[in-house]
Amino acid sequence: MNRHIVAAALLGLAGPALAQTPPPAPADGVSFDAWAARARERLMALDTDHDGKISKDEFAARGPMMGRREGSAEPSAGTPRADGSRMFDRLDANHDGYLDTTEINAMLARRFARMDANHDGMLTADERHAMRGPNAPEQ
């Protein structure tokens, strides 16, 4: 009888200890929040007048990120115009001439969803590399 009481007491103590064990951290991956914070920071670097939104002119300053290869005077074949005006117009949902927080967050959510191939809420190095294309340099 004493053995049953001791066993029950030990099981009672082990349960809460097991419940407090955190789940294993993913070996490789970036959450949406971490990825979006970094991407938002890079985008907001375009906000040269520091008004909290990106104008069409500020967006056009993205040059190399809009299809121009470094050292090339012309955009690559099949890419949008180098000033990014068509892309800006698509992102500017309320057509006020600025990308505000809501529009930027919506764009980042769509991009993350496209990149997250297995839809697990984490971007692995492989998923990030795949989105850059087959000719992207290894990082």
Foldseek 3Di string as FASTA:
>chain_A
DVVVVVVVVVVVVVVVVVVPDDDDDDPFWDFLVRVLVVVVVVVCVLVVVPPQKHFLQSQQVPQVVQQDPPPDPAGDPPTDHRSCPVVVCVLPVVPPRIRHPVSSVVVSVVVVVVLPVVPPRTHGLVSVVVVVPDPDDRD
